[in-house]
Amino acid sequence: MDELELIDTPLVATGDLIELVARFAFNTLVVWIIIHLLYFPRSKRRDYYFTFMLISVSIFFLIFLLGGLKIKVGFALGLFAIFGIIRYRTESMYVREMTYLFVIIAISVINALAVTLSVAELVAVNALFIGAIWLCELNLINKQHQEKLVVYDRIDLIVPEKHDELVADLEKRIGVKIIGVEIGAIDFLKDTAMLKIHYLERGENSVNHTMKLPKD
């Protein structure tokens, strides 16, 4: 009998439609501020822009529509599955993108489930999220520190006494202000060495840590 009543009960009552629309609009606005004003200016990754927005929409509706059902164990497993989607991805994600993904999921879950919070409390929680992200991004932007892996062909310059010549040659070739160089693997047969250079530059490059050029 309980199962039949659960099936016949609509997921969203007519009286809850306004709350659903209002919460969805608020959640979308908060997520858009985080993605468009905080994440995108540094990364310029339109693919993650698209992904984060749609994941937020999906998570919000899934949590909001299932939140009223009295299925504690199943709901907990559902939340576990939501966070588990991060494990099954087609390509590796950098720490920054992974962090933003967790933040987007957390905010969407909070905005969909926090029915006991007042409007002021809900706005305050989301504002604290935005403020914390802004402070972290501000710190990163001020540093403007980037890293890049380079296969270097002049191994005669990797010795400590020629460090200044190495930096000057790299700056001339790459065109950036280098603040540090780390020397990795050395191939004496090919006269090449793997270098990690630290430099100052605005913006985010998603392929800075790529070691191989594509074969195509």
Protein backbone atom coordinates (compact mmCIF):
# COMPACT_ATOMS: atom_id res chain seq x y z
CA MET A 1 0.00 0.00 0.00
CA ASP A 2 2.79 2.40 0.87
CA GLU A 3 4.58 1.60 -2.34
CA LEU A 4 1.45 2.33 -4.38
CA GLU A 5 0.94 5.62 -2.61
CA LEU A 6 4.55 6.54 -3.28
CA ILE A 7 4.16 5.82 -6.97
CA ASP A 8 0.89 7.75 -7.31
CA THR A 9 2.18 10.79 -5.42
CA PRO A 10 3.50 13.48 -7.81
CA LEU A 11 7.15 14.40 -7.35
CA VAL A 12 6.37 18.13 -7.35
CA ALA A 13 3.02 19.36 -6.08
CA THR A 14 1.37 22.33 -7.73
CA GLY A 15 2.03 24.48 -4.67
CA ASP A 16 5.75 23.69 -4.84
CA LEU A 17 6.15 24.79 -8.45
CA ILE A 18 6.94 28.39 -7.53
CA GLU A 19 9.54 27.24 -5.01
CA LEU A 20 11.08 24.93 -7.61
CA VAL A 21 11.37 27.70 -10.19
CA ALA A 22 12.70 30.21 -7.65
CA ARG A 23 15.32 27.82 -6.27
CA PHE A 24 16.37 26.76 -9.76
CA ALA A 25 16.75 30.37 -10.90
CA PHE A 26 18.75 31.23 -7.78
CA ASN A 27 21.00 28.18 -8.13
CA THR A 28 21.58 28.87 -11.83
CA LEU A 29 22.50 32.48 -11.07
CA VAL A 30 25.00 31.47 -8.38
CA VAL A 31 26.57 28.79 -10.57
CA TRP A 32 26.77 31.21 -13.52
CA ILE A 33 28.56 33.80 -11.36
CA ILE A 34 31.09 31.18 -10.22
CA ILE A 35 31.71 29.81 -13.70
CA HIS A 36 31.50 32.96 -15.82
CA LEU A 37 33.12 35.50 -13.49
CA LEU A 38 35.56 33.36 -11.48
CA TYR A 39 36.44 30.20 -13.42
CA PHE A 40 36.27 31.18 -17.10
CA PRO A 41 38.40 34.38 -17.11
CA ARG A 42 41.53 32.37 -16.24
CA SER A 43 40.90 29.04 -17.93
CA LYS A 44 39.06 30.06 -21.14
CA ARG A 45 37.78 26.46 -21.29
CA ARG A 46 34.38 26.61 -22.98
CA ASP A 47 34.02 22.84 -22.79
CA TYR A 48 34.11 22.92 -18.97
CA TYR A 49 31.83 25.97 -18.99
CA PHE A 50 29.25 23.86 -20.79
CA THR A 51 29.87 20.83 -18.57
CA PHE A 52 29.64 22.67 -15.25
CA MET A 53 26.38 24.41 -16.16
CA LEU A 54 24.63 21.24 -17.30
CA ILE A 55 25.91 19.20 -14.35
CA SER A 56 24.52 21.87 -12.03
CA VAL A 57 21.11 21.73 -13.72
CA SER A 58 21.05 17.92 -13.63
CA ILE A 59 22.14 17.66 -10.00
CA PHE A 60 19.69 20.32 -8.84
CA PHE A 61 16.63 18.71 -10.42
CA LEU A 62 17.69 15.22 -9.38
CA ILE A 63 18.16 16.22 -5.74
CA PHE A 64 15.10 18.48 -5.57
CA LEU A 65 12.73 15.92 -7.07
CA LEU A 66 14.05 13.03 -5.00
CA GLY A 67 14.52 15.01 -1.79
CA GLY A 68 10.86 14.71 -0.78
CA LEU A 69 10.78 10.92 -1.04
CA LYS A 70 11.19 8.93 2.13
CA ILE A 71 14.00 6.69 0.92
CA LYS A 72 16.91 7.41 3.21
CA VAL A 73 19.24 4.57 2.19
CA GLY A 74 18.46 4.86 -1.50
CA PHE A 75 18.87 8.61 -1.43
CA ALA A 76 22.25 8.28 0.28
CA LEU A 77 23.35 5.80 -2.39
CA GLY A 78 22.13 8.23 -5.04
CA LEU A 79 24.30 11.00 -3.61
CA PHE A 80 27.25 8.62 -3.57
CA ALA A 81 26.61 7.82 -7.23
CA ILE A 82 26.50 11.52 -8.09
CA PHE A 83 29.95 12.12 -6.70
CA GLY A 84 31.08 8.84 -8.28
CA ILE A 85 30.55 10.20 -11.80
CA ILE A 86 33.79 12.11 -11.38
CA ARG A 87 35.63 8.80 -11.40
CA TYR A 88 34.22 7.75 -14.78
CA ARG A 89 35.43 10.37 -17.20
CA THR A 90 36.89 10.25 -20.67
CA GLU A 91 39.92 12.42 -19.94
CA SER A 92 41.94 13.43 -16.92
CA MET A 93 40.93 16.64 -15.16
CA TYR A 94 43.31 19.08 -13.57
CA VAL A 95 42.98 19.86 -9.88
CA ARG A 96 41.39 23.26 -10.55
CA GLU A 97 38.64 21.81 -12.76
CA MET A 98 38.08 18.96 -10.31
CA THR A 99 37.72 21.44 -7.45
CA TYR A 100 35.22 23.54 -9.38
CA LEU A 101 33.25 20.40 -10.21
CA PHE A 102 33.00 19.51 -6.51
CA VAL A 103 31.96 23.08 -5.70
CA ILE A 104 29.26 23.12 -8.40
CA ILE A 105 27.85 19.79 -7.20
CA ALA A 106 27.93 20.87 -3.55
CA ILE A 107 26.18 24.18 -4.24
CA SER A 108 23.52 22.52 -6.37
CA VAL A 109 22.83 19.92 -3.68
CA ILE A 110 22.64 22.57 -0.95
CA ASN A 111 20.28 24.80 -2.93
CA ALA A 112 18.02 21.86 -3.75
CA LEU A 113 17.92 20.29 -0.27
CA ALA A 114 18.19 23.19 2.18
CA VAL A 115 14.42 23.63 2.63
CA THR A 116 14.85 24.34 6.35
CA LEU A 117 17.05 27.37 5.72
CA SER A 118 15.57 30.81 5.42
CA VAL A 119 16.10 32.89 2.31
CA ALA A 120 18.68 35.03 4.10
CA GLU A 121 20.60 31.98 5.31
CA LEU A 122 20.58 30.40 1.86
CA VAL A 123 21.82 33.62 0.25
CA ALA A 124 24.51 33.93 2.94
CA VAL A 125 25.76 30.37 2.33
CA ASN A 126 26.01 30.93 -1.42
CA ALA A 127 27.65 34.32 -0.91
CA LEU A 128 30.27 32.70 1.33
CA PHE A 129 30.96 30.13 -1.40
CA ILE A 130 31.43 32.89 -3.99
CA GLY A 131 33.58 34.97 -1.63
CA ALA A 132 35.86 32.06 -0.77
CA ILE A 133 36.37 31.20 -4.45
CA TRP A 134 37.00 34.85 -5.30
CA LEU A 135 39.68 35.16 -2.60
CA CYS A 136 41.41 31.99 -3.81
CA GLU A 137 41.30 33.12 -7.44
CA LEU A 138 42.53 36.60 -6.50
CA ASN A 139 45.55 35.07 -4.82
CA LEU A 140 46.33 32.96 -7.89
CA ILE A 141 45.85 35.87 -10.30
CA ASN A 142 48.19 38.09 -8.32
CA LYS A 143 50.91 35.43 -8.44
CA GLN A 144 50.38 34.70 -12.17
CA HIS A 145 52.59 31.64 -11.75
CA GLN A 146 52.53 29.04 -14.52
CA GLU A 147 54.44 25.85 -15.26
CA LYS A 148 55.37 24.24 -18.56
CA LEU A 149 57.18 21.03 -19.53
CA VAL A 150 59.79 21.46 -22.24
CA VAL A 151 61.99 18.98 -24.09
CA TYR A 152 65.29 20.89 -24.33
CA ASP A 153 67.96 20.18 -26.93
CA ARG A 154 70.96 22.02 -25.45
CA ILE A 155 72.07 19.82 -22.58
CA ASP A 156 75.39 21.66 -22.42
CA LEU A 157 73.51 24.47 -20.65
CA ILE A 158 71.84 22.38 -17.93
CA VAL A 159 74.91 22.41 -15.68
CA PRO A 160 74.64 24.72 -12.61
CA GLU A 161 77.39 27.10 -13.72
CA LYS A 162 75.50 27.89 -16.95
CA HIS A 163 72.12 28.46 -15.32
CA ASP A 164 71.90 32.09 -16.42
CA GLU A 165 72.64 31.12 -20.03
CA LEU A 166 69.97 28.41 -19.84
CA VAL A 167 67.35 30.86 -18.58
CA ALA A 168 68.31 33.45 -21.20
CA ASP A 169 68.05 30.90 -24.01
CA LEU A 170 64.65 29.66 -22.81
CA GLU A 171 63.29 33.19 -22.45
CA LYS A 172 64.47 34.03 -25.99
CA ARG A 173 62.83 30.93 -27.46
CA ILE A 174 59.57 30.91 -25.49
CA GLY A 175 59.11 34.63 -24.96
CA VAL A 176 58.15 34.58 -21.27
CA LYS A 177 59.78 35.77 -18.05
CA ILE A 178 61.19 32.64 -16.41
CA ILE A 179 61.50 32.58 -12.62
CA GLY A 180 62.78 29.04 -12.19
CA VAL A 181 63.90 25.90 -14.03
CA GLU A 182 63.83 22.28 -12.85
CA ILE A 183 65.81 19.62 -14.70
CA GLY A 184 64.29 16.17 -15.08
CA ALA A 185 65.21 13.18 -17.25
CA ILE A 186 68.26 13.48 -19.50
CA ASP A 187 68.73 11.54 -22.75
CA PHE A 188 72.41 11.65 -23.75
CA LEU A 189 71.74 9.58 -26.88
CA LYS A 190 69.41 12.26 -28.27
CA ASP A 191 71.09 15.18 -26.47
CA THR A 192 67.80 16.26 -24.89
CA ALA A 193 66.55 16.89 -21.36
CA MET A 194 63.11 17.29 -19.82
CA LEU A 195 62.74 20.69 -18.15
CA LYS A 196 59.94 22.15 -16.06
CA ILE A 197 60.01 25.91 -16.35
CA HIS A 198 58.24 28.30 -13.97
CA TYR A 199 57.23 31.61 -15.50
CA LEU A 200 54.91 34.59 -15.07
CA GLU A 201 51.94 34.89 -17.39
CA ARG A 202 48.28 35.82 -17.22
CA GLY A 203 45.64 33.21 -17.91
CA GLU A 204 45.55 29.44 -17.73
CA ASN A 205 46.92 26.99 -20.30
CA SER A 206 45.27 23.58 -20.24
CA VAL A 207 48.18 21.83 -22.03
CA ASN A 208 51.08 23.19 -20.01
CA HIS A 209 51.84 19.75 -18.54
CA THR A 210 51.63 17.85 -21.83
CA MET A 211 54.85 15.96 -22.55
CA LYS A 212 54.16 14.75 -26.10
CA LEU A 213 52.95 16.45 -29.24
CA PRO A 214 49.91 14.84 -30.89
CA LYS A 215 50.75 12.44 -33.75
CA ASP A 216 48.08 13.86 -36.07
